[in-house]
Protein backbone atom coordinates (compact mmCIF):
# COMPACT_ATOMS: atom_id res chain seq x y z
CA MET A 1 21.21 8.29 -5.77
CA ILE A 2 18.29 6.05 -6.72
CA ALA A 3 17.05 8.35 -9.48
CA ASP A 4 20.46 8.49 -11.19
CA ARG A 5 20.80 4.72 -11.19
CA ALA A 6 17.29 4.23 -12.56
CA LEU A 7 17.88 6.75 -15.33
CA ALA A 8 21.12 5.00 -16.32
CA CYS A 9 19.26 1.78 -17.14
CA ARG A 10 18.67 0.82 -20.75
CA GLY A 11 15.04 1.33 -21.68
CA VAL A 12 14.38 4.18 -19.22
CA ALA A 13 13.60 7.45 -21.02
CA ARG A 14 12.82 9.44 -17.89
CA LEU A 15 11.19 9.22 -14.48
CA SER A 16 7.49 9.88 -14.02
CA GLY A 17 5.54 11.46 -11.21
CA GLY A 18 2.48 9.39 -12.00
CA PRO A 19 -0.89 10.68 -13.15
CA PHE A 20 -1.25 13.06 -10.21
CA GLY A 21 2.44 13.66 -9.47
CA THR A 22 2.30 11.55 -6.32
CA VAL A 23 5.47 9.56 -6.96
CA ALA A 24 7.99 11.96 -5.48
CA THR A 25 10.44 12.50 -2.67
CA TYR A 26 10.73 15.85 -0.99
CA LEU A 27 14.27 16.94 -0.25
CA PRO A 28 15.42 20.22 1.28
CA GLY A 29 14.57 22.85 -1.31
CA GLN A 30 13.55 20.43 -4.05
CA ARG A 31 11.12 17.76 -5.16
CA LEU A 32 12.50 14.60 -6.79
CA THR A 33 9.87 13.30 -9.19
CA GLY A 34 9.70 9.59 -9.97
CA VAL A 35 11.04 8.12 -6.73
CA SER A 36 9.11 7.61 -3.53
CA ALA A 37 10.85 5.96 -0.60
CA ASP A 38 9.85 5.40 2.98
CA GLU A 39 10.83 2.95 5.69
CA ARG A 40 8.72 0.16 4.13
CA GLU A 41 9.35 0.32 0.37
CA VAL A 42 10.81 2.13 -2.62
CA GLU A 43 8.65 3.00 -5.63
CA ILE A 44 10.14 4.09 -8.93
CA ALA A 45 7.89 5.27 -11.77
CA ILE A 46 9.40 5.35 -15.24
CA VAL A 47 8.65 6.25 -18.81
CA ALA A 48 10.09 3.40 -20.84
CA THR A 49 11.27 2.94 -24.39
CA LEU A 50 10.64 -0.17 -26.44
CA ASP A 51 14.35 -0.97 -26.81
CA ARG A 52 13.75 -4.19 -24.89
CA PRO A 53 10.93 -6.04 -23.14
CA LEU A 54 9.43 -3.98 -20.31
CA PRO A 55 9.96 -6.68 -17.66
CA GLN A 56 13.69 -6.67 -18.45
CA THR A 57 13.83 -2.90 -18.04
CA ALA A 58 12.00 -3.11 -14.70
CA ASP A 59 14.30 -5.91 -13.52
CA GLU A 60 17.40 -3.89 -14.41
CA VAL A 61 16.10 -0.83 -12.55
CA ARG A 62 15.30 -2.98 -9.52
CA ALA A 63 18.77 -4.54 -9.54
CA ALA A 64 20.49 -1.18 -10.07
CA VAL A 65 19.02 0.30 -6.89
CA ALA A 66 18.83 -2.82 -4.71
CA ASP A 67 21.84 -1.95 -2.55
CA LEU A 68 20.44 1.54 -1.89
CA ALA A 69 17.04 0.14 -0.94
CA GLY A 70 18.46 -2.15 1.74
CA ASP A 71 15.81 -4.61 2.93
CA ARG A 72 12.94 -2.65 1.40
CA PRO A 73 11.20 -4.07 -1.68
CA VAL A 74 11.63 -2.02 -4.86
CA HIS A 75 8.50 -1.58 -6.98
CA VAL A 76 9.08 -0.39 -10.54
CA ARG A 77 6.06 0.94 -12.35
CA VAL A 78 5.88 1.79 -16.06
CA ASP A 79 3.66 4.86 -16.35
CA ASP A 80 4.15 5.47 -20.07
CA ILE A 81 5.98 4.20 -23.12
CA ILE A 82 7.60 6.27 -25.82
CA VAL A 83 8.66 5.18 -29.26
CA GLU A 84 11.90 6.92 -30.05
CA GLY A 85 12.19 8.52 -33.46
CA THR A 86 8.48 9.22 -33.85
């Protein structure tokens, strides 16, 4: 699943629904926050850590889900940053 692969990437603390909770996919009986996919594109919203540069984290997330996205572009958006240990 796209969410699992994104969460497994270094520098991803959790997925984000965005400021109004609009980044989500509705599945039977549940709402998956942080991933929005349609026939045109895939959007993944994350809360990142500062373990590495943010562009590297976004690139890793994009690469991790590329085969699941097929021909659709994958847009990774950093909605927030946390500093671990504070």
